[in-house]
């Protein structure tokens, strides 16, 4: 049982309603990537690729996007707003369960599914945490050529939908838990790096 499920059971002892993802959010996809170097600019608008998402795997506040495109290149694209959740839907990344929640507005490559929450029904941070529980491999029909239809993402993923105040309380707890986990991970990484340098010093 995930931490989110534990909190729902604790805060909603009488049970909770479940809805398909398509009932609580719009599920769409991004646009084809521009092909000309002139379409990109360091002062442009963020254009998120699958590789950007893959670098972090999971993130509730994602803004580390490498490419930026010009306004002209973006004219035929749809800008995804803050709170949109991105999930790889084609290629090998589909099997890796990468999921991020945009903390900045961004254009998105077509290989990513974009889940735009209906804020009247579901908190976008809550939806991100709920989606991290789901294994996208369940929707892949052929692992030799992994891909997932946006229609399947919308219709086959079930989301718990407690009242909004409960969602907000769960988000408060999980945000704090995630922050502490990140701090501990950073401390552990620093400690391991220091120990490695120490080992190399004595070895030499």
C-alpha atoms as a PDB file:
ATOM      1  CA  UNK A   1       0.000   0.000   0.000  1.00  0.00           C
ATOM      2  CA  UNK A   2       1.381   3.416  -0.962  1.00  0.00           C
ATOM      3  CA  UNK A   3       1.671   6.339   1.438  1.00  0.00           C
ATOM      4  CA  UNK A   4      -1.179   8.035  -0.443  1.00  0.00           C
ATOM      5  CA  UNK A   5      -3.433   4.990   0.029  1.00  0.00           C
ATOM      6  CA  UNK A   6      -2.583   4.902   3.733  1.00  0.00           C
ATOM      7  CA  UNK A   7      -3.542   8.562   4.127  1.00  0.00           C
ATOM      8  CA  UNK A   8      -6.797   8.104   2.205  1.00  0.00           C
ATOM      9  CA  UNK A   9      -7.728   5.138   4.422  1.00  0.00           C
ATOM     10  CA  UNK A  10      -6.940   7.202   7.522  1.00  0.00           C
ATOM     11  CA  UNK A  11      -8.737  10.382   6.459  1.00  0.00           C
ATOM     12  CA  UNK A  12     -11.651   8.716   4.640  1.00  0.00           C
ATOM     13  CA  UNK A  13     -12.594   5.714   6.841  1.00  0.00           C
ATOM     14  CA  UNK A  14     -15.951   5.365   5.060  1.00  0.00           C
ATOM     15  CA  UNK A  15     -14.275   4.896   1.698  1.00  0.00           C
ATOM     16  CA  UNK A  16     -13.633   7.141  -1.280  1.00  0.00           C
ATOM     17  CA  UNK A  17     -15.060   7.520  -4.772  1.00  0.00           C
ATOM     18  CA  UNK A  18     -12.956   6.452  -7.756  1.00  0.00           C
ATOM     19  CA  UNK A  19     -13.151   8.044 -11.207  1.00  0.00           C
ATOM     20  CA  UNK A  20     -11.365   7.396 -14.479  1.00  0.00           C
ATOM     21  CA  UNK A  21      -8.542   9.809 -15.227  1.00  0.00           C
ATOM     22  CA  UNK A  22     -10.573  11.194 -18.140  1.00  0.00           C
ATOM     23  CA  UNK A  23     -13.337  12.200 -15.712  1.00  0.00           C
ATOM     24  CA  UNK A  24     -11.039  14.380 -13.612  1.00  0.00           C
ATOM     25  CA  UNK A  25      -8.595  15.646 -16.241  1.00  0.00           C
ATOM     26  CA  UNK A  26      -8.094  16.323 -19.931  1.00  0.00           C
ATOM     27  CA  UNK A  27      -5.678  13.789 -21.417  1.00  0.00           C
ATOM     28  CA  UNK A  28      -3.943  14.978 -24.565  1.00  0.00           C
ATOM     29  CA  UNK A  29      -0.483  14.904 -26.107  1.00  0.00           C
ATOM     30  CA  UNK A  30       2.134  17.388 -27.195  1.00  0.00           C
ATOM     31  CA  UNK A  31       3.303  18.522 -30.610  1.00  0.00           C
ATOM     32  CA  UNK A  32       5.951  17.448 -33.083  1.00  0.00           C
ATOM     33  CA  UNK A  33       9.338  18.925 -32.266  1.00  0.00           C
ATOM     34  CA  UNK A  34      10.541  21.783 -34.469  1.00  0.00           C
ATOM     35  CA  UNK A  35      13.211  20.652 -36.940  1.00  0.00           C
ATOM     36  CA  UNK A  36      15.018  23.886 -37.787  1.00  0.00           C
ATOM     37  CA  UNK A  37      17.721  25.418 -35.605  1.00  0.00           C
ATOM     38  CA  UNK A  38      16.132  28.816 -36.226  1.00  0.00           C
ATOM     39  CA  UNK A  39      13.072  27.607 -34.287  1.00  0.00           C
ATOM     40  CA  UNK A  40      15.085  27.545 -31.072  1.00  0.00           C
ATOM     41  CA  UNK A  41      16.236  30.458 -28.940  1.00  0.00           C
ATOM     42  CA  UNK A  42      17.878  30.724 -25.517  1.00  0.00           C
ATOM     43  CA  UNK A  43      15.328  33.447 -24.695  1.00  0.00           C
ATOM     44  CA  UNK A  44      12.360  31.468 -26.028  1.00  0.00           C
ATOM     45  CA  UNK A  45       9.528  29.458 -24.460  1.00  0.00           C
ATOM     46  CA  UNK A  46      10.287  26.090 -22.809  1.00  0.00           C
ATOM     47  CA  UNK A  47       9.800  23.022 -25.015  1.00  0.00           C
ATOM     48  CA  UNK A  48       9.827  19.818 -22.970  1.00  0.00           C
ATOM     49  CA  UNK A  49      11.176  16.600 -24.445  1.00  0.00           C
ATOM     50  CA  UNK A  50      11.015  13.026 -23.164  1.00  0.00           C
ATOM     51  CA  UNK A  51      14.726  13.234 -22.332  1.00  0.00           C
ATOM     52  CA  UNK A  52      14.056  16.138 -19.945  1.00  0.00           C
ATOM     53  CA  UNK A  53      11.507  14.065 -18.073  1.00  0.00           C
ATOM     54  CA  UNK A  54      13.803  11.031 -18.053  1.00  0.00           C
ATOM     55  CA  UNK A  55      16.584  12.964 -16.318  1.00  0.00           C
ATOM     56  CA  UNK A  56      14.516  13.338 -13.140  1.00  0.00           C
ATOM     57  CA  UNK A  57      12.161  10.296 -13.378  1.00  0.00           C
ATOM     58  CA  UNK A  58       9.706  11.716 -10.828  1.00  0.00           C
ATOM     59  CA  UNK A  59       9.128  15.336  -9.852  1.00  0.00           C
ATOM     60  CA  UNK A  60       6.187  17.193  -8.339  1.00  0.00           C
ATOM     61  CA  UNK A  61       7.792  20.552  -9.246  1.00  0.00           C
ATOM     62  CA  UNK A  62       9.434  20.108 -12.632  1.00  0.00           C
ATOM     63  CA  UNK A  63      11.022  22.965 -14.573  1.00  0.00           C
ATOM     64  CA  UNK A  64      14.402  21.612 -15.737  1.00  0.00           C
ATOM     65  CA  UNK A  65      13.749  21.922 -19.485  1.00  0.00           C
ATOM     66  CA  UNK A  66      16.711  22.267 -21.837  1.00  0.00           C
ATOM     67  CA  UNK A  67      15.198  23.565 -25.095  1.00  0.00           C
ATOM     68  CA  UNK A  68      13.348  26.811 -25.732  1.00  0.00           C
ATOM     69  CA  UNK A  69      11.515  27.692 -28.920  1.00  0.00           C
ATOM     70  CA  UNK A  70      10.595  30.945 -30.610  1.00  0.00           C
ATOM     71  CA  UNK A  71       7.086  32.374 -30.644  1.00  0.00           C
ATOM     72  CA  UNK A  72       6.834  31.696 -34.378  1.00  0.00           C
ATOM     73  CA  UNK A  73       7.699  28.005 -33.881  1.00  0.00           C
ATOM     74  CA  UNK A  74       5.084  27.760 -31.128  1.00  0.00           C
ATOM     75  CA  UNK A  75       2.182  29.246 -33.104  1.00  0.00           C
ATOM     76  CA  UNK A  76       0.620  25.891 -33.999  1.00  0.00           C
ATOM     77  CA  UNK A  77       1.307  24.267 -30.617  1.00  0.00           C
ATOM     78  CA  UNK A  78      -0.703  24.155 -27.406  1.00  0.00           C
ATOM     79  CA  UNK A  79       0.963  25.575 -24.296  1.00  0.00           C
ATOM     80  CA  UNK A  80       0.602  23.225 -21.327  1.00  0.00           C
ATOM     81  CA  UNK A  81      -0.111  25.122 -18.085  1.00  0.00           C
ATOM     82  CA  UNK A  82       1.463  24.799 -14.659  1.00  0.00           C
ATOM     83  CA  UNK A  83       0.049  21.699 -12.960  1.00  0.00           C
ATOM     84  CA  UNK A  84       0.009  19.596 -16.123  1.00  0.00           C
ATOM     85  CA  UNK A  85       1.366  16.084 -15.522  1.00  0.00           C
ATOM     86  CA  UNK A  86       3.599  14.637 -18.224  1.00  0.00           C
ATOM     87  CA  UNK A  87       3.940  10.900 -18.902  1.00  0.00           C
ATOM     88  CA  UNK A  88       5.948   9.263 -21.716  1.00  0.00           C
ATOM     89  CA  UNK A  89       3.556   7.473 -24.080  1.00  0.00           C
ATOM     90  CA  UNK A  90       5.823   6.152 -26.833  1.00  0.00           C
ATOM     91  CA  UNK A  91       9.301   4.692 -26.982  1.00  0.00           C
ATOM     92  CA  UNK A  92      11.370   2.909 -24.334  1.00  0.00           C
ATOM     93  CA  UNK A  93      10.625   5.594 -21.732  1.00  0.00           C
ATOM     94  CA  UNK A  94       7.030   4.386 -21.645  1.00  0.00           C
ATOM     95  CA  UNK A  95       8.203   1.360 -19.645  1.00  0.00           C
ATOM     96  CA  UNK A  96      10.144   3.413 -17.079  1.00  0.00           C
ATOM     97  CA  UNK A  97       7.203   5.115 -15.337  1.00  0.00           C
ATOM     98  CA  UNK A  98       8.591   8.631 -15.550  1.00  0.00           C
ATOM     99  CA  UNK A  99       6.051  11.188 -14.310  1.00  0.00           C
ATOM    100  CA  UNK A 100       6.457  14.903 -13.672  1.00  0.00           C
ATOM    101  CA  UNK A 101       4.211  17.832 -12.797  1.00  0.00           C
ATOM    102  CA  UNK A 102       5.035  21.065 -14.607  1.00  0.00           C
ATOM    103  CA  UNK A 103       5.808  24.020 -12.339  1.00  0.00           C
ATOM    104  CA  UNK A 104       6.164  26.300 -15.385  1.00  0.00           C
ATOM    105  CA  UNK A 105       4.118  26.685 -18.559  1.00  0.00           C
ATOM    106  CA  UNK A 106       5.708  24.698 -21.375  1.00  0.00           C
ATOM    107  CA  UNK A 107       5.196  23.311 -24.837  1.00  0.00           C
ATOM    108  CA  UNK A 108       5.530  19.541 -24.953  1.00  0.00           C
ATOM    109  CA  UNK A 109       6.808  17.005 -27.477  1.00  0.00           C
ATOM    110  CA  UNK A 110       4.318  14.566 -29.010  1.00  0.00           C
ATOM    111  CA  UNK A 111       5.930  11.546 -27.298  1.00  0.00           C
ATOM    112  CA  UNK A 112       4.554  12.800 -23.976  1.00  0.00           C
ATOM    113  CA  UNK A 113       0.981  12.515 -22.735  1.00  0.00           C
ATOM    114  CA  UNK A 114      -0.194  15.698 -21.033  1.00  0.00           C
ATOM    115  CA  UNK A 115      -2.721  15.335 -18.210  1.00  0.00           C
ATOM    116  CA  UNK A 116      -4.409  18.657 -17.405  1.00  0.00           C
ATOM    117  CA  UNK A 117      -6.403  18.390 -14.146  1.00  0.00           C
ATOM    118  CA  UNK A 118      -9.879  19.836 -13.682  1.00  0.00           C
ATOM    119  CA  UNK A 119      -9.077  21.911 -10.589  1.00  0.00           C
ATOM    120  CA  UNK A 120     -12.746  21.977  -9.568  1.00  0.00           C
ATOM    121  CA  UNK A 121     -12.566  18.228  -8.995  1.00  0.00           C
ATOM    122  CA  UNK A 122      -8.962  17.369  -8.256  1.00  0.00           C
ATOM    123  CA  UNK A 123      -5.869  19.063  -6.880  1.00  0.00           C
ATOM    124  CA  UNK A 124      -3.078  18.842  -9.453  1.00  0.00           C
ATOM    125  CA  UNK A 125      -0.433  17.887  -6.870  1.00  0.00           C
ATOM    126  CA  UNK A 126      -2.768  15.217  -5.476  1.00  0.00           C
ATOM    127  CA  UNK A 127      -3.298  13.876  -8.989  1.00  0.00           C
ATOM    128  CA  UNK A 128       0.471  13.692  -9.526  1.00  0.00           C
ATOM    129  CA  UNK A 129       0.892  11.635  -6.354  1.00  0.00           C
ATOM    130  CA  UNK A 130      -2.041   9.420  -7.346  1.00  0.00           C
ATOM    131  CA  UNK A 131      -0.548   8.764 -10.778  1.00  0.00           C
ATOM    132  CA  UNK A 132       2.828   7.752  -9.361  1.00  0.00           C
ATOM    133  CA  UNK A 133       1.046   4.685  -7.944  1.00  0.00           C
ATOM    134  CA  UNK A 134       0.090   3.450 -11.402  1.00  0.00           C
ATOM    135  CA  UNK A 135       2.382   1.231 -13.481  1.00  0.00           C
ATOM    136  CA  UNK A 136       2.150   2.416 -17.094  1.00  0.00           C
ATOM    137  CA  UNK A 137       3.442  -0.969 -18.282  1.00  0.00           C
ATOM    138  CA  UNK A 138      -0.087  -2.279 -17.687  1.00  0.00           C
ATOM    139  CA  UNK A 139      -1.258  -0.268 -20.709  1.00  0.00           C
ATOM    140  CA  UNK A 140       1.538  -1.336 -23.080  1.00  0.00           C
ATOM    141  CA  UNK A 141       0.332  -4.010 -25.504  1.00  0.00           C
ATOM    142  CA  UNK A 142       3.669  -4.803 -27.157  1.00  0.00           C
ATOM    143  CA  UNK A 143       6.836  -4.226 -25.151  1.00  0.00           C
ATOM    144  CA  UNK A 144       8.932  -4.634 -28.296  1.00  0.00           C
ATOM    145  CA  UNK A 145       7.383  -1.387 -29.562  1.00  0.00           C
ATOM    146  CA  UNK A 146       6.150   0.290 -26.375  1.00  0.00           C
ATOM    147  CA  UNK A 147       3.416   2.863 -26.745  1.00  0.00           C
ATOM    148  CA  UNK A 148       0.232   3.863 -24.971  1.00  0.00           C
ATOM    149  CA  UNK A 149      -2.881   5.509 -26.405  1.00  0.00           C
ATOM    150  CA  UNK A 150      -4.073   8.683 -24.714  1.00  0.00           C
ATOM    151  CA  UNK A 151      -7.590   7.223 -24.850  1.00  0.00           C
ATOM    152  CA  UNK A 152      -6.398   4.258 -22.750  1.00  0.00           C
ATOM    153  CA  UNK A 153      -4.675   6.569 -20.279  1.00  0.00           C
ATOM    154  CA  UNK A 154      -7.955   8.467 -19.909  1.00  0.00           C
ATOM    155  CA  UNK A 155     -10.241   5.443 -19.622  1.00  0.00           C
ATOM    156  CA  UNK A 156      -8.195   2.726 -17.912  1.00  0.00           C
ATOM    157  CA  UNK A 157      -6.520   4.567 -15.036  1.00  0.00           C
ATOM    158  CA  UNK A 158      -8.675   4.838 -11.927  1.00  0.00           C
ATOM    159  CA  UNK A 159      -8.084   7.754  -9.550  1.00  0.00           C
ATOM    160  CA  UNK A 160      -9.296   8.056  -5.935  1.00  0.00           C
ATOM    161  CA  UNK A 161     -11.191  11.323  -5.505  1.00  0.00           C
ATOM    162  CA  UNK A 162     -11.668  12.317  -1.850  1.00  0.00           C
ATOM    163  CA  UNK A 163     -13.140  15.772  -1.064  1.00  0.00           C
ATOM    164  CA  UNK A 164     -10.868  18.653  -2.054  1.00  0.00           C
ATOM    165  CA  UNK A 165     -10.017  19.616   1.572  1.00  0.00           C
ATOM    166  CA  UNK A 166      -8.859  16.032   2.151  1.00  0.00           C
ATOM    167  CA  UNK A 167      -6.819  16.125  -1.058  1.00  0.00           C
ATOM    168  CA  UNK A 168      -5.142  19.334   0.126  1.00  0.00           C
ATOM    169  CA  UNK A 169      -4.272  17.811   3.497  1.00  0.00           C
ATOM    170  CA  UNK A 170      -2.817  14.720   1.822  1.00  0.00           C
ATOM    171  CA  UNK A 171      -0.759  16.960  -0.486  1.00  0.00           C
ATOM    172  CA  UNK A 172       0.550  18.910   2.519  1.00  0.00           C
ATOM    173  CA  UNK A 173       1.726  15.696   4.164  1.00  0.00           C
ATOM    174  CA  UNK A 174       3.181  14.139   1.010  1.00  0.00           C
ATOM    175  CA  UNK A 175       4.977  17.359   0.016  1.00  0.00           C
ATOM    176  CA  UNK A 176       6.662  17.395   3.413  1.00  0.00           C
ATOM    177  CA  UNK A 177       7.500  13.688   3.127  1.00  0.00           C
ATOM    178  CA  UNK A 178       8.916  14.187  -0.383  1.00  0.00           C
ATOM    179  CA  UNK A 179      11.005  17.149   0.762  1.00  0.00           C
ATOM    180  CA  UNK A 180      12.483  15.174   3.647  1.00  0.00           C
ATOM    181  CA  UNK A 181      13.236  12.237   1.347  1.00  0.00           C
ATOM    182  CA  UNK A 182      15.020  14.562  -1.099  1.00  0.00           C
ATOM    183  CA  UNK A 183      17.093  16.061   1.716  1.00  0.00           C
ATOM    184  CA  UNK A 184      18.082  12.633   3.019  1.00  0.00           C
ATOM    185  CA  UNK A 185      18.983  11.486  -0.494  1.00  0.00           C
ATOM    186  CA  UNK A 186      21.159  14.564  -1.013  1.00  0.00           C
ATOM    187  CA  UNK A 187      22.892  14.003   2.331  1.00  0.00           C
ATOM    188  CA  UNK A 188      23.497  10.346   1.531  1.00  0.00           C
ATOM    189  CA  UNK A 189      24.875  11.187  -1.915  1.00  0.00           C
ATOM    190  CA  UNK A 190      27.243  13.771  -0.407  1.00  0.00           C
ATOM    191  CA  UNK A 191      28.380  11.290   2.233  1.00  0.00           C
ATOM    192  CA  UNK A 192      29.031   8.581  -0.353  1.00  0.00           C
ATOM    193  CA  UNK A 193      30.969  11.032  -2.524  1.00  0.00           C
ATOM    194  CA  UNK A 194      33.104  12.073   0.456  1.00  0.00           C
ATOM    195  CA  UNK A 195      33.765   8.445   1.396  1.00  0.00           C
ATOM    196  CA  UNK A 196      34.738   7.627  -2.195  1.00  0.00           C
ATOM    197  CA  UNK A 197      37.254  10.495  -2.251  1.00  0.00           C
ATOM    198  CA  UNK A 198      38.603   9.382   1.125  1.00  0.00           C
ATOM    199  CA  UNK A 199      38.999   5.821  -0.125  1.00  0.00           C
ATOM    200  CA  UNK A 200      40.778   6.985  -3.275  1.00  0.00           C
ATOM    201  CA  UNK A 201      43.118   9.160  -1.189  1.00  0.00           C
ATOM    202  CA  UNK A 202      44.184   6.278   1.048  1.00  0.00           C
ATOM    203  CA  UNK A 203      44.386   3.895  -1.897  1.00  0.00           C
ATOM    204  CA  UNK A 204      46.742   6.232  -3.737  1.00  0.00           C
END
